Amino acid sequence: DSEAALFYALSLLGTVRPGDTGFRRQMQAGAIALAVFAKNPNHPGAAHYIIHAFDDPDHAILALDAARRYAEIAPAAHHARHMPAHIFLQLGMWPEAAASNESAWAASVVWVERKHLSPAQRDLHSLHWLFYVYLQQGRYAKAAEIFALRQRVQAEVGEAESHGAMHTAMGGRYYDDMRAEFVIETGQWARAEQLFP
């Protein structure tokens, strides 16, 4: 049963903890998901769990086919558009990582507008990743645009974030990370005091 197999793969991934050594459980989960993906390359769970299983520089190549396929399987899902970036980043595929996160952010904006949701529901995770990718590419002007956008988002959703919902709390953490990354990666040390009053 493909669904049972994939939930088992997910449960294996759920047992991995920071600091664990070796990749045995990730390999087991990845092997199960790869088997389902081989039978059904349109299964979103298979592609998703393959990406999670092999999300490290040594094994990412094993997930490249799934990463390339995932966004096509679920084009309206912003998370499906973002996830390939995990593999693209591990493999140094910076243009692909940027495109993945640009697409994910745009899809989340459309989704929020279509569903009449709070702006806090937009995919701040992919926006943060896009910012990081631009910095790594040396595209500082584009990174500055994203940073300015994130500052506007922070002002828009600041009150919602203060209520402690998980996605908005994470969004606040991403904003803190982005402020630090901007200063460090661009070398604009004089802005540190302004950004961290």
Foldseek 3Di string as FASTA:
>chain_A
DLVVLLVVLVVLLVVDDPPDDDLVSLVSSLVSLVVVCVVPVLDLSSLQSNLSSQLALVRLVVNQVSLVSQCVSPVLALVSLQSSLSSCVSPVVLVSNLRSLVSSQVSQVVVCVVVVHALLSGDLVSLLSNLVSCLVVVVLVVNVVSLVVLVVSCVRCVVVLVVPDPSSVVSVVSNVVSLVCNCVSVVVVVCNVVSVD
